[in-house]
């Protein structure tokens, strides 16, 4: 299907959305385990109230409408760019692409569902490079979820929310692999390969079960503790041990400061000897010495005032193994 056909299809099919009152969708996958969505800021208690119909969802509806419209414009090009990218690592006929995906995937055991953006199937193994990491690949074969993202403000980075989403989707599909295709604000595509994280999923499913329990029993989540909260630990059984460790740490800080001052004084003494004899390289006993002048480059002004160029002396001391008996 061409891009034009995709867009025309969307005119008659405005999009598929998971029923957020009966099932947890992948858009909730960051809120439940972390208690607050990384991007929207929605708390897990706000989500619980939404499911119970106790809070307004107009903001969420507007966000969904915006996302659907943006998807209508950018999802199809994202799909085509992703396929073009994947063909760098495998033959075109090794890839089966399904887009749009018409039906949501459901994990009924915990009322979870997900509307996958794009599904791929690799008939033979494909080695997908990990962006930003040299010589690291994820080998994928079989069904692969493809989450399509368009960032209006970002530079194509992989957000925690995206990872939560595809792990949720892999629960719903039973899959092991996902790709997150991120279009940056400049139009640059970055494709991140993600593997199923069974440890994360196990913890996540416990949180999902707890969420539905609180919905069913109308049991609110406790209020989040303010980050400025200061706890009094004096009543703890381990308070004496903690105080002892803190005192030892303080002693270490004092000793370290003295050690640093002593080392600086020793270095200055060595430098003075080398300067007195006007040498930059020398050896004595089992040691080799080098005294060089290193130039600091001028730094442009950013969030702090500009730094002028300057020089400093670098002393290097190492063992002269040739003279070590």
C-alpha atoms as a PDB file:
ATOM      1  CA  UNK A   1       0.000   0.000   0.000  1.00  0.00           C
ATOM      2  CA  UNK A   2       1.397   3.404  -0.962  1.00  0.00           C
ATOM      3  CA  UNK A   3       1.647   6.378   1.407  1.00  0.00           C
ATOM      4  CA  UNK A   4      -1.285   8.014  -0.387  1.00  0.00           C
ATOM      5  CA  UNK A   5      -3.385   4.867   0.051  1.00  0.00           C
ATOM      6  CA  UNK A   6      -2.439   4.720   3.747  1.00  0.00           C
ATOM      7  CA  UNK A   7      -3.616   8.281   4.312  1.00  0.00           C
ATOM      8  CA  UNK A   8      -6.828   7.708   2.382  1.00  0.00           C
ATOM      9  CA  UNK A   9      -7.470   4.548   4.394  1.00  0.00           C
ATOM     10  CA  UNK A  10      -7.116   6.527   7.611  1.00  0.00           C
ATOM     11  CA  UNK A  11      -9.720   9.048   6.427  1.00  0.00           C
ATOM     12  CA  UNK A  12     -12.302   6.255   6.662  1.00  0.00           C
ATOM     13  CA  UNK A  13     -10.689   4.500   9.653  1.00  0.00           C
ATOM     14  CA  UNK A  14      -9.777   7.211  12.193  1.00  0.00           C
ATOM     15  CA  UNK A  15      -7.844   4.796  14.366  1.00  0.00           C
ATOM     16  CA  UNK A  16      -8.156   2.007  16.867  1.00  0.00           C
ATOM     17  CA  UNK A  17      -7.941   2.684  20.583  1.00  0.00           C
ATOM     18  CA  UNK A  18      -7.823   0.241  23.451  1.00  0.00           C
ATOM     19  CA  UNK A  19     -10.826   0.537  25.774  1.00  0.00           C
ATOM     20  CA  UNK A  20      -9.162   2.237  28.735  1.00  0.00           C
ATOM     21  CA  UNK A  21     -12.093   1.423  31.056  1.00  0.00           C
ATOM     22  CA  UNK A  22     -11.931  -2.366  30.688  1.00  0.00           C
ATOM     23  CA  UNK A  23      -8.276  -2.985  29.788  1.00  0.00           C
ATOM     24  CA  UNK A  24      -4.891  -1.459  30.491  1.00  0.00           C
ATOM     25  CA  UNK A  25      -3.373  -0.288  27.230  1.00  0.00           C
ATOM     26  CA  UNK A  26       0.318   0.078  26.456  1.00  0.00           C
ATOM     27  CA  UNK A  27      -0.010   3.833  26.969  1.00  0.00           C
ATOM     28  CA  UNK A  28      -0.595   3.010  30.651  1.00  0.00           C
ATOM     29  CA  UNK A  29       2.452   0.744  30.840  1.00  0.00           C
ATOM     30  CA  UNK A  30       4.690   3.470  32.245  1.00  0.00           C
ATOM     31  CA  UNK A  31       2.182   4.820  34.760  1.00  0.00           C
ATOM     32  CA  UNK A  32       1.451   1.568  36.594  1.00  0.00           C
ATOM     33  CA  UNK A  33       4.974   0.333  37.445  1.00  0.00           C
ATOM     34  CA  UNK A  34       6.531   3.760  38.051  1.00  0.00           C
ATOM     35  CA  UNK A  35       3.422   5.364  39.669  1.00  0.00           C
ATOM     36  CA  UNK A  36       3.763   8.359  37.321  1.00  0.00           C
ATOM     37  CA  UNK A  37       3.952   8.527  33.530  1.00  0.00           C
ATOM     38  CA  UNK A  38       7.318   9.753  32.294  1.00  0.00           C
ATOM     39  CA  UNK A  39       5.864  12.130  29.699  1.00  0.00           C
ATOM     40  CA  UNK A  40       2.242  12.973  30.556  1.00  0.00           C
ATOM     41  CA  UNK A  41       2.794  13.071  34.324  1.00  0.00           C
ATOM     42  CA  UNK A  42      -0.396  11.078  34.948  1.00  0.00           C
ATOM     43  CA  UNK A  43      -0.247   9.300  38.314  1.00  0.00           C
ATOM     44  CA  UNK A  44      -1.395   5.751  38.902  1.00  0.00           C
ATOM     45  CA  UNK A  45      -4.124   7.063  41.241  1.00  0.00           C
ATOM     46  CA  UNK A  46      -5.404   9.373  38.481  1.00  0.00           C
ATOM     47  CA  UNK A  47      -5.476   6.382  36.147  1.00  0.00           C
ATOM     48  CA  UNK A  48      -7.406   4.315  38.714  1.00  0.00           C
ATOM     49  CA  UNK A  49      -9.997   7.101  39.043  1.00  0.00           C
ATOM     50  CA  UNK A  50     -10.230   7.368  35.263  1.00  0.00           C
ATOM     51  CA  UNK A  51     -10.990   3.647  34.958  1.00  0.00           C
ATOM     52  CA  UNK A  52     -13.709   4.065  37.600  1.00  0.00           C
ATOM     53  CA  UNK A  53     -15.129   7.037  35.700  1.00  0.00           C
ATOM     54  CA  UNK A  54     -14.390   9.370  38.615  1.00  0.00           C
ATOM     55  CA  UNK A  55     -12.204  11.806  36.700  1.00  0.00           C
ATOM     56  CA  UNK A  56     -12.527  13.795  33.509  1.00  0.00           C
ATOM     57  CA  UNK A  57     -10.769  12.306  30.515  1.00  0.00           C
ATOM     58  CA  UNK A  58     -11.147  15.318  28.192  1.00  0.00           C
ATOM     59  CA  UNK A  59      -7.432  16.036  28.314  1.00  0.00           C
ATOM     60  CA  UNK A  60      -6.622  12.426  27.521  1.00  0.00           C
ATOM     61  CA  UNK A  61      -9.139  12.389  24.680  1.00  0.00           C
ATOM     62  CA  UNK A  62      -7.598  15.509  23.175  1.00  0.00           C
ATOM     63  CA  UNK A  63      -4.142  13.969  23.473  1.00  0.00           C
ATOM     64  CA  UNK A  64      -5.378  10.777  21.812  1.00  0.00           C
ATOM     65  CA  UNK A  65      -6.966  12.762  18.982  1.00  0.00           C
ATOM     66  CA  UNK A  66      -3.725  14.671  18.469  1.00  0.00           C
ATOM     67  CA  UNK A  67      -1.738  11.428  18.491  1.00  0.00           C
ATOM     68  CA  UNK A  68      -4.105   9.818  15.988  1.00  0.00           C
ATOM     69  CA  UNK A  69      -3.894  12.791  13.664  1.00  0.00           C
ATOM     70  CA  UNK A  70      -0.121  12.875  13.916  1.00  0.00           C
ATOM     71  CA  UNK A  71      -0.097   9.135  13.272  1.00  0.00           C
ATOM     72  CA  UNK A  72      -2.237   9.650  10.199  1.00  0.00           C
ATOM     73  CA  UNK A  73       0.394  11.988   8.808  1.00  0.00           C
ATOM     74  CA  UNK A  74       3.642  10.412  10.049  1.00  0.00           C
ATOM     75  CA  UNK A  75       3.059   6.702  10.745  1.00  0.00           C
ATOM     76  CA  UNK A  76       3.039   5.595   7.113  1.00  0.00           C
ATOM     77  CA  UNK A  77       6.321   7.383   6.251  1.00  0.00           C
ATOM     78  CA  UNK A  78       7.792   5.975   9.475  1.00  0.00           C
ATOM     79  CA  UNK A  79       6.833   2.461   8.348  1.00  0.00           C
ATOM     80  CA  UNK A  80       8.412   2.946   4.941  1.00  0.00           C
ATOM     81  CA  UNK A  81      11.586   4.481   6.413  1.00  0.00           C
ATOM     82  CA  UNK A  82      11.845   1.623   8.928  1.00  0.00           C
ATOM     83  CA  UNK A  83      11.515  -1.001   6.194  1.00  0.00           C
ATOM     84  CA  UNK A  84      14.114   0.791   4.094  1.00  0.00           C
ATOM     85  CA  UNK A  85      16.452   0.843   7.111  1.00  0.00           C
ATOM     86  CA  UNK A  86      15.941  -2.876   7.835  1.00  0.00           C
ATOM     87  CA  UNK A  87      16.784  -3.775   4.245  1.00  0.00           C
ATOM     88  CA  UNK A  88      20.364  -2.711   5.017  1.00  0.00           C
ATOM     89  CA  UNK A  89      20.669  -5.831   7.164  1.00  0.00           C
ATOM     90  CA  UNK A  90      18.561  -8.410   5.316  1.00  0.00           C
ATOM     91  CA  UNK A  91      16.877  -9.134   2.013  1.00  0.00           C
ATOM     92  CA  UNK A  92      13.541  -7.477   1.320  1.00  0.00           C
ATOM     93  CA  UNK A  93      11.779 -10.827   0.871  1.00  0.00           C
ATOM     94  CA  UNK A  94      12.899 -11.887   4.370  1.00  0.00           C
ATOM     95  CA  UNK A  95      10.516  -9.301   5.845  1.00  0.00           C
ATOM     96  CA  UNK A  96       6.745  -9.587   6.034  1.00  0.00           C
ATOM     97  CA  UNK A  97       5.153  -6.265   6.994  1.00  0.00           C
ATOM     98  CA  UNK A  98       1.634  -5.823   8.387  1.00  0.00           C
ATOM     99  CA  UNK A  99       0.357  -2.255   8.513  1.00  0.00           C
ATOM    100  CA  UNK A 100      -2.119  -1.071   9.606  1.00  0.00           C
ATOM    101  CA  UNK A 101      -2.740  -3.721  12.282  1.00  0.00           C
ATOM    102  CA  UNK A 102      -6.514  -4.053  12.460  1.00  0.00           C
ATOM    103  CA  UNK A 103      -7.117  -5.883  15.752  1.00  0.00           C
ATOM    104  CA  UNK A 104      -5.716  -5.265  19.238  1.00  0.00           C
ATOM    105  CA  UNK A 105      -3.774  -8.001  21.017  1.00  0.00           C
ATOM    106  CA  UNK A 106      -5.236  -8.997  24.384  1.00  0.00           C
ATOM    107  CA  UNK A 107      -3.875 -10.635  27.539  1.00  0.00           C
ATOM    108  CA  UNK A 108      -7.148 -11.463  29.258  1.00  0.00           C
ATOM    109  CA  UNK A 109      -5.592 -12.918  32.405  1.00  0.00           C
ATOM    110  CA  UNK A 110      -4.893  -9.375  33.658  1.00  0.00           C
ATOM    111  CA  UNK A 111      -7.185  -7.284  31.420  1.00  0.00           C
ATOM    112  CA  UNK A 112      -4.323  -5.987  29.289  1.00  0.00           C
ATOM    113  CA  UNK A 113      -4.584  -5.026  25.652  1.00  0.00           C
ATOM    114  CA  UNK A 114      -2.471  -3.292  23.059  1.00  0.00           C
ATOM    115  CA  UNK A 115      -3.008  -1.758  19.643  1.00  0.00           C
ATOM    116  CA  UNK A 116       0.249  -2.477  17.825  1.00  0.00           C
ATOM    117  CA  UNK A 117       1.317   0.159  15.287  1.00  0.00           C
ATOM    118  CA  UNK A 118       3.151  -2.140  12.880  1.00  0.00           C
ATOM    119  CA  UNK A 119       4.001  -5.844  12.894  1.00  0.00           C
ATOM    120  CA  UNK A 120       6.975  -7.436  11.186  1.00  0.00           C
ATOM    121  CA  UNK A 121       7.953 -11.045  10.612  1.00  0.00           C
ATOM    122  CA  UNK A 122      11.573 -12.026   9.935  1.00  0.00           C
ATOM    123  CA  UNK A 123      11.702 -15.421   8.224  1.00  0.00           C
ATOM    124  CA  UNK A 124      15.450 -15.687   8.831  1.00  0.00           C
ATOM    125  CA  UNK A 125      17.562 -14.130  11.624  1.00  0.00           C
ATOM    126  CA  UNK A 126      18.288 -10.416  11.290  1.00  0.00           C
ATOM    127  CA  UNK A 127      21.042  -8.677  13.256  1.00  0.00           C
ATOM    128  CA  UNK A 128      19.847  -5.193  14.255  1.00  0.00           C
ATOM    129  CA  UNK A 129      22.532  -2.772  15.536  1.00  0.00           C
ATOM    130  CA  UNK A 130      22.025  -0.990  18.858  1.00  0.00           C
ATOM    131  CA  UNK A 131      22.213   2.789  18.225  1.00  0.00           C
ATOM    132  CA  UNK A 132      25.091   4.529  19.943  1.00  0.00           C
ATOM    133  CA  UNK A 133      26.860   1.278  20.924  1.00  0.00           C
ATOM    134  CA  UNK A 134      29.689   0.029  18.755  1.00  0.00           C
ATOM    135  CA  UNK A 135      29.562  -3.581  17.512  1.00  0.00           C
ATOM    136  CA  UNK A 136      26.456  -4.491  19.528  1.00  0.00           C
ATOM    137  CA  UNK A 137      23.504  -6.161  17.832  1.00  0.00           C
ATOM    138  CA  UNK A 138      20.210  -7.816  18.727  1.00  0.00           C
ATOM    139  CA  UNK A 139      19.411 -10.883  16.617  1.00  0.00           C
ATOM    140  CA  UNK A 140      15.720 -11.242  15.848  1.00  0.00           C
ATOM    141  CA  UNK A 141      13.628 -13.872  14.100  1.00  0.00           C
ATOM    142  CA  UNK A 142       9.883 -14.446  13.902  1.00  0.00           C
ATOM    143  CA  UNK A 143       7.294 -11.853  14.891  1.00  0.00           C
ATOM    144  CA  UNK A 144       8.596  -8.412  15.804  1.00  0.00           C
ATOM    145  CA  UNK A 145       6.516  -5.556  17.230  1.00  0.00           C
ATOM    146  CA  UNK A 146       7.241  -2.147  15.752  1.00  0.00           C
ATOM    147  CA  UNK A 147       6.268   0.862  17.870  1.00  0.00           C
ATOM    148  CA  UNK A 148       6.212   4.055  15.790  1.00  0.00           C
ATOM    149  CA  UNK A 149       7.099   7.332  17.478  1.00  0.00           C
ATOM    150  CA  UNK A 150       7.282  10.915  16.271  1.00  0.00           C
ATOM    151  CA  UNK A 151       8.931  13.435  18.573  1.00  0.00           C
ATOM    152  CA  UNK A 152       7.890  17.042  18.247  1.00  0.00           C
ATOM    153  CA  UNK A 153      10.493  18.179  20.779  1.00  0.00           C
ATOM    154  CA  UNK A 154      13.002  15.337  21.082  1.00  0.00           C
ATOM    155  CA  UNK A 155      16.060  14.363  19.088  1.00  0.00           C
ATOM    156  CA  UNK A 156      15.168  10.723  18.556  1.00  0.00           C
ATOM    157  CA  UNK A 157      16.196   9.418  21.963  1.00  0.00           C
ATOM    158  CA  UNK A 158      14.759   6.210  23.433  1.00  0.00           C
ATOM    159  CA  UNK A 159      12.530   7.122  26.371  1.00  0.00           C
ATOM    160  CA  UNK A 160      11.651   4.910  29.337  1.00  0.00           C
ATOM    161  CA  UNK A 161       8.002   5.193  28.351  1.00  0.00           C
ATOM    162  CA  UNK A 162       8.727   3.611  24.958  1.00  0.00           C
ATOM    163  CA  UNK A 163      10.425   0.622  26.579  1.00  0.00           C
ATOM    164  CA  UNK A 164       7.509   0.165  28.995  1.00  0.00           C
ATOM    165  CA  UNK A 165       5.098   0.229  26.067  1.00  0.00           C
ATOM    166  CA  UNK A 166       6.806  -2.471  24.038  1.00  0.00           C
ATOM    167  CA  UNK A 167       7.315  -4.722  27.079  1.00  0.00           C
ATOM    168  CA  UNK A 168       3.540  -4.433  27.678  1.00  0.00           C
ATOM    169  CA  UNK A 169       2.936  -5.230  24.021  1.00  0.00           C
ATOM    170  CA  UNK A 170       5.156  -8.305  24.195  1.00  0.00           C
ATOM    171  CA  UNK A 171       3.026  -9.576  27.085  1.00  0.00           C
ATOM    172  CA  UNK A 172      -0.092  -9.151  24.956  1.00  0.00           C
ATOM    173  CA  UNK A 173       1.394 -10.773  21.853  1.00  0.00           C
ATOM    174  CA  UNK A 174       3.597 -13.347  23.564  1.00  0.00           C
ATOM    175  CA  UNK A 175       6.493 -12.039  21.483  1.00  0.00           C
ATOM    176  CA  UNK A 176      10.179 -11.746  22.276  1.00  0.00           C
ATOM    177  CA  UNK A 177      11.293  -8.821  20.111  1.00  0.00           C
ATOM    178  CA  UNK A 178      10.348  -5.238  19.367  1.00  0.00           C
ATOM    179  CA  UNK A 179      11.646  -2.282  17.398  1.00  0.00           C
ATOM    180  CA  UNK A 180      11.013   1.309  18.416  1.00  0.00           C
ATOM    181  CA  UNK A 181      11.231   3.580  15.373  1.00  0.00           C
ATOM    182  CA  UNK A 182      11.652   7.190  16.491  1.00  0.00           C
ATOM    183  CA  UNK A 183      11.305  10.116  14.105  1.00  0.00           C
ATOM    184  CA  UNK A 184      13.015  13.154  15.578  1.00  0.00           C
ATOM    185  CA  UNK A 185      11.799  16.718  15.124  1.00  0.00           C
ATOM    186  CA  UNK A 186      14.349  17.062  12.311  1.00  0.00           C
ATOM    187  CA  UNK A 187      12.976  14.003  10.482  1.00  0.00           C
ATOM    188  CA  UNK A 188      15.891  11.704  11.384  1.00  0.00           C
ATOM    189  CA  UNK A 189      14.870   8.068  11.999  1.00  0.00           C
ATOM    190  CA  UNK A 190      16.476   6.006  14.766  1.00  0.00           C
ATOM    191  CA  UNK A 191      15.491   2.356  15.206  1.00  0.00           C
ATOM    192  CA  UNK A 192      16.045   0.763  18.629  1.00  0.00           C
ATOM    193  CA  UNK A 193      15.949  -3.050  18.984  1.00  0.00           C
ATOM    194  CA  UNK A 194      14.361  -4.226  22.258  1.00  0.00           C
ATOM    195  CA  UNK A 195      14.320  -7.744  23.695  1.00  0.00           C
ATOM    196  CA  UNK A 196      11.702  -9.169  26.030  1.00  0.00           C
ATOM    197  CA  UNK A 197      12.705  -8.500  29.649  1.00  0.00           C
ATOM    198  CA  UNK A 198      11.087 -11.285  31.664  1.00  0.00           C
ATOM    199  CA  UNK A 199      12.343  -9.913  34.980  1.00  0.00           C
ATOM    200  CA  UNK A 200      10.792  -6.496  34.325  1.00  0.00           C
ATOM    201  CA  UNK A 201       7.603  -8.129  33.066  1.00  0.00           C
ATOM    202  CA  UNK A 202       7.262 -10.291  36.196  1.00  0.00           C
ATOM    203  CA  UNK A 203       7.397  -7.185  38.407  1.00  0.00           C
ATOM    204  CA  UNK A 204       5.085  -5.325  36.042  1.00  0.00           C
ATOM    205  CA  UNK A 205       2.396  -8.028  36.113  1.00  0.00           C
ATOM    206  CA  UNK A 206       2.383  -7.882  39.923  1.00  0.00           C
ATOM    207  CA  UNK A 207       1.769  -4.137  39.713  1.00  0.00           C
ATOM    208  CA  UNK A 208      -0.992  -4.678  37.136  1.00  0.00           C
ATOM    209  CA  UNK A 209      -2.705  -7.218  39.405  1.00  0.00           C
ATOM    210  CA  UNK A 210      -2.460  -4.751  42.288  1.00  0.00           C
ATOM    211  CA  UNK A 211      -3.917  -2.002  40.087  1.00  0.00           C
ATOM    212  CA  UNK A 212      -7.010  -4.056  39.214  1.00  0.00           C
ATOM    213  CA  UNK A 213      -7.434  -5.049  42.861  1.00  0.00           C
ATOM    214  CA  UNK A 214      -7.509  -1.384  43.833  1.00  0.00           C
ATOM    215  CA  UNK A 215     -10.001  -0.682  41.044  1.00  0.00           C
ATOM    216  CA  UNK A 216     -12.289  -3.545  42.080  1.00  0.00           C
ATOM    217  CA  UNK A 217     -12.148  -2.712  45.789  1.00  0.00           C
ATOM    218  CA  UNK A 218     -12.083   1.055  45.201  1.00  0.00           C
ATOM    219  CA  UNK A 219      -8.916   1.212  47.266  1.00  0.00           C
ATOM    220  CA  UNK A 220      -7.017   4.456  46.516  1.00  0.00           C
ATOM    221  CA  UNK A 221      -3.246   4.476  46.165  1.00  0.00           C
ATOM    222  CA  UNK A 222      -1.465   6.222  49.068  1.00  0.00           C
ATOM    223  CA  UNK A 223      -0.421   9.778  48.446  1.00  0.00           C
ATOM    224  CA  UNK A 224       3.039  10.082  46.987  1.00  0.00           C
ATOM    225  CA  UNK A 225       5.718  11.091  49.477  1.00  0.00           C
ATOM    226  CA  UNK A 226       7.090  14.535  48.729  1.00  0.00           C
ATOM    227  CA  UNK A 227      10.707  14.469  47.628  1.00  0.00           C
ATOM    228  CA  UNK A 228      11.466  17.003  50.368  1.00  0.00           C
ATOM    229  CA  UNK A 229      10.300  14.596  53.084  1.00  0.00           C
ATOM    230  CA  UNK A 230      12.968  14.176  55.791  1.00  0.00           C
ATOM    231  CA  UNK A 231      12.829  10.902  57.695  1.00  0.00           C
ATOM    232  CA  UNK A 232      13.913  10.585  61.349  1.00  0.00           C
ATOM    233  CA  UNK A 233      15.994   7.393  61.534  1.00  0.00           C
ATOM    234  CA  UNK A 234      17.036   7.727  65.180  1.00  0.00           C
ATOM    235  CA  UNK A 235      14.495   5.128  66.300  1.00  0.00           C
ATOM    236  CA  UNK A 236      15.800   2.429  63.951  1.00  0.00           C
ATOM    237  CA  UNK A 237      17.616  -0.553  65.443  1.00  0.00           C
ATOM    238  CA  UNK A 238      20.399   0.109  62.944  1.00  0.00           C
ATOM    239  CA  UNK A 239      20.752   3.799  63.874  1.00  0.00           C
ATOM    240  CA  UNK A 240      23.992   3.238  65.862  1.00  0.00           C
ATOM    241  CA  UNK A 241      25.498   1.327  62.957  1.00  0.00           C
ATOM    242  CA  UNK A 242      24.453   4.062  60.537  1.00  0.00           C
ATOM    243  CA  UNK A 243      25.963   6.770  62.750  1.00  0.00           C
ATOM    244  CA  UNK A 244      29.207   4.779  63.015  1.00  0.00           C
ATOM    245  CA  UNK A 245      29.400   4.449  59.215  1.00  0.00           C
ATOM    246  CA  UNK A 246      28.734   8.147  58.731  1.00  0.00           C
ATOM    247  CA  UNK A 247      31.421   9.056  61.275  1.00  0.00           C
ATOM    248  CA  UNK A 248      33.904   6.755  59.521  1.00  0.00           C
ATOM    249  CA  UNK A 249      32.970   8.365  56.222  1.00  0.00           C
ATOM    250  CA  UNK A 250      33.574  11.804  57.684  1.00  0.00           C
ATOM    251  CA  UNK A 251      36.969  10.667  59.018  1.00  0.00           C
ATOM    252  CA  UNK A 252      37.821   9.306  55.585  1.00  0.00           C
ATOM    253  CA  UNK A 253      36.898  12.634  53.958  1.00  0.00           C
ATOM    254  CA  UNK A 254      39.265  14.444  56.327  1.00  0.00           C
ATOM    255  CA  UNK A 255      42.052  11.929  55.670  1.00  0.00           C
ATOM    256  CA  UNK A 256      41.480  12.076  51.919  1.00  0.00           C
ATOM    257  CA  UNK A 257      41.720  15.864  51.971  1.00  0.00           C
ATOM    258  CA  UNK A 258      45.008  15.625  53.869  1.00  0.00           C
ATOM    259  CA  UNK A 259      46.293  12.930  51.493  1.00  0.00           C
ATOM    260  CA  UNK A 260      45.425  15.111  48.498  1.00  0.00           C
ATOM    261  CA  UNK A 261      47.239  18.085  50.052  1.00  0.00           C
ATOM    262  CA  UNK A 262      50.283  15.937  50.866  1.00  0.00           C
ATOM    263  CA  UNK A 263      50.380  14.496  47.352  1.00  0.00           C
ATOM    264  CA  UNK A 264      50.163  17.987  45.862  1.00  0.00           C
ATOM    265  CA  UNK A 265      53.076  19.104  48.054  1.00  0.00           C
ATOM    266  CA  UNK A 266      55.134  16.043  47.028  1.00  0.00           C
ATOM    267  CA  UNK A 267      54.377  16.677  43.335  1.00  0.00           C
ATOM    268  CA  UNK A 268      55.477  20.299  43.668  1.00  0.00           C
ATOM    269  CA  UNK A 269      58.743  19.162  45.249  1.00  0.00           C
ATOM    270  CA  UNK A 270      59.407  16.763  42.354  1.00  0.00           C
ATOM    271  CA  UNK A 271      58.572  19.466  39.807  1.00  0.00           C
ATOM    272  CA  UNK A 272      61.004  21.880  41.476  1.00  0.00           C
ATOM    273  CA  UNK A 273      63.861  19.372  41.215  1.00  0.00           C
ATOM    274  CA  UNK A 274      63.168  18.742  37.525  1.00  0.00           C
ATOM    275  CA  UNK A 275      62.918  22.500  36.824  1.00  0.00           C
ATOM    276  CA  UNK A 276      66.160  23.181  38.719  1.00  0.00           C
ATOM    277  CA  UNK A 277      68.020  20.890  36.346  1.00  0.00           C
ATOM    278  CA  UNK A 278      65.898  22.031  33.357  1.00  0.00           C
ATOM    279  CA  UNK A 279      64.776  18.535  32.363  1.00  0.00           C
ATOM    280  CA  UNK A 280      61.343  17.341  31.258  1.00  0.00           C
ATOM    281  CA  UNK A 281      62.083  13.605  31.224  1.00  0.00           C
ATOM    282  CA  UNK A 282      64.282  11.643  33.601  1.00  0.00           C
ATOM    283  CA  UNK A 283      64.645   8.443  35.563  1.00  0.00           C
ATOM    284  CA  UNK A 284      65.855   7.797  39.072  1.00  0.00           C
ATOM    285  CA  UNK A 285      66.004   4.434  40.799  1.00  0.00           C
ATOM    286  CA  UNK A 286      62.946   2.438  39.735  1.00  0.00           C
ATOM    287  CA  UNK A 287      61.014   5.536  38.566  1.00  0.00           C
ATOM    288  CA  UNK A 288      60.575   7.347  35.268  1.00  0.00           C
ATOM    289  CA  UNK A 289      59.519  11.013  35.368  1.00  0.00           C
ATOM    290  CA  UNK A 290      57.862  13.246  32.792  1.00  0.00           C
ATOM    291  CA  UNK A 291      56.940  16.919  33.158  1.00  0.00           C
ATOM    292  CA  UNK A 292      54.942  18.356  30.257  1.00  0.00           C
ATOM    293  CA  UNK A 293      52.890  21.476  29.671  1.00  0.00           C
ATOM    294  CA  UNK A 294      49.331  20.746  28.514  1.00  0.00           C
ATOM    295  CA  UNK A 295      47.245  23.445  26.823  1.00  0.00           C
ATOM    296  CA  UNK A 296      43.637  23.943  27.891  1.00  0.00           C
ATOM    297  CA  UNK A 297      41.517  24.944  24.930  1.00  0.00           C
ATOM    298  CA  UNK A 298      39.225  27.926  25.218  1.00  0.00           C
ATOM    299  CA  UNK A 299      35.608  26.934  25.891  1.00  0.00           C
ATOM    300  CA  UNK A 300      32.661  28.717  24.229  1.00  0.00           C
ATOM    301  CA  UNK A 301      30.087  30.374  26.435  1.00  0.00           C
ATOM    302  CA  UNK A 302      27.145  28.132  27.254  1.00  0.00           C
ATOM    303  CA  UNK A 303      25.241  28.172  30.517  1.00  0.00           C
ATOM    304  CA  UNK A 304      28.334  29.474  32.346  1.00  0.00           C
ATOM    305  CA  UNK A 305      30.692  32.308  31.431  1.00  0.00           C
ATOM    306  CA  UNK A 306      33.251  31.550  28.754  1.00  0.00           C
ATOM    307  CA  UNK A 307      36.532  30.021  29.978  1.00  0.00           C
ATOM    308  CA  UNK A 308      39.743  31.623  28.661  1.00  0.00           C
ATOM    309  CA  UNK A 309      42.547  29.438  27.385  1.00  0.00           C
ATOM    310  CA  UNK A 310      45.300  28.542  29.859  1.00  0.00           C
ATOM    311  CA  UNK A 311      48.073  26.041  30.545  1.00  0.00           C
ATOM    312  CA  UNK A 312      48.807  23.679  33.418  1.00  0.00           C
ATOM    313  CA  UNK A 313      51.619  21.331  34.341  1.00  0.00           C
ATOM    314  CA  UNK A 314      51.025  17.563  34.225  1.00  0.00           C
ATOM    315  CA  UNK A 315      53.322  15.307  36.212  1.00  0.00           C
ATOM    316  CA  UNK A 316      53.375  11.598  35.300  1.00  0.00           C
ATOM    317  CA  UNK A 317      55.104   9.071  37.549  1.00  0.00           C
ATOM    318  CA  UNK A 318      55.365   5.380  36.666  1.00  0.00           C
ATOM    319  CA  UNK A 319      57.654   2.464  37.448  1.00  0.00           C
ATOM    320  CA  UNK A 320      60.794   2.097  35.332  1.00  0.00           C
ATOM    321  CA  UNK A 321      60.512  -1.671  35.001  1.00  0.00           C
ATOM    322  CA  UNK A 322      63.958  -1.946  33.401  1.00  0.00           C
ATOM    323  CA  UNK A 323      65.613  -1.004  36.689  1.00  0.00           C
ATOM    324  CA  UNK A 324      63.290  -3.024  38.965  1.00  0.00           C
ATOM    325  CA  UNK A 325      65.167  -6.047  40.312  1.00  0.00           C
END
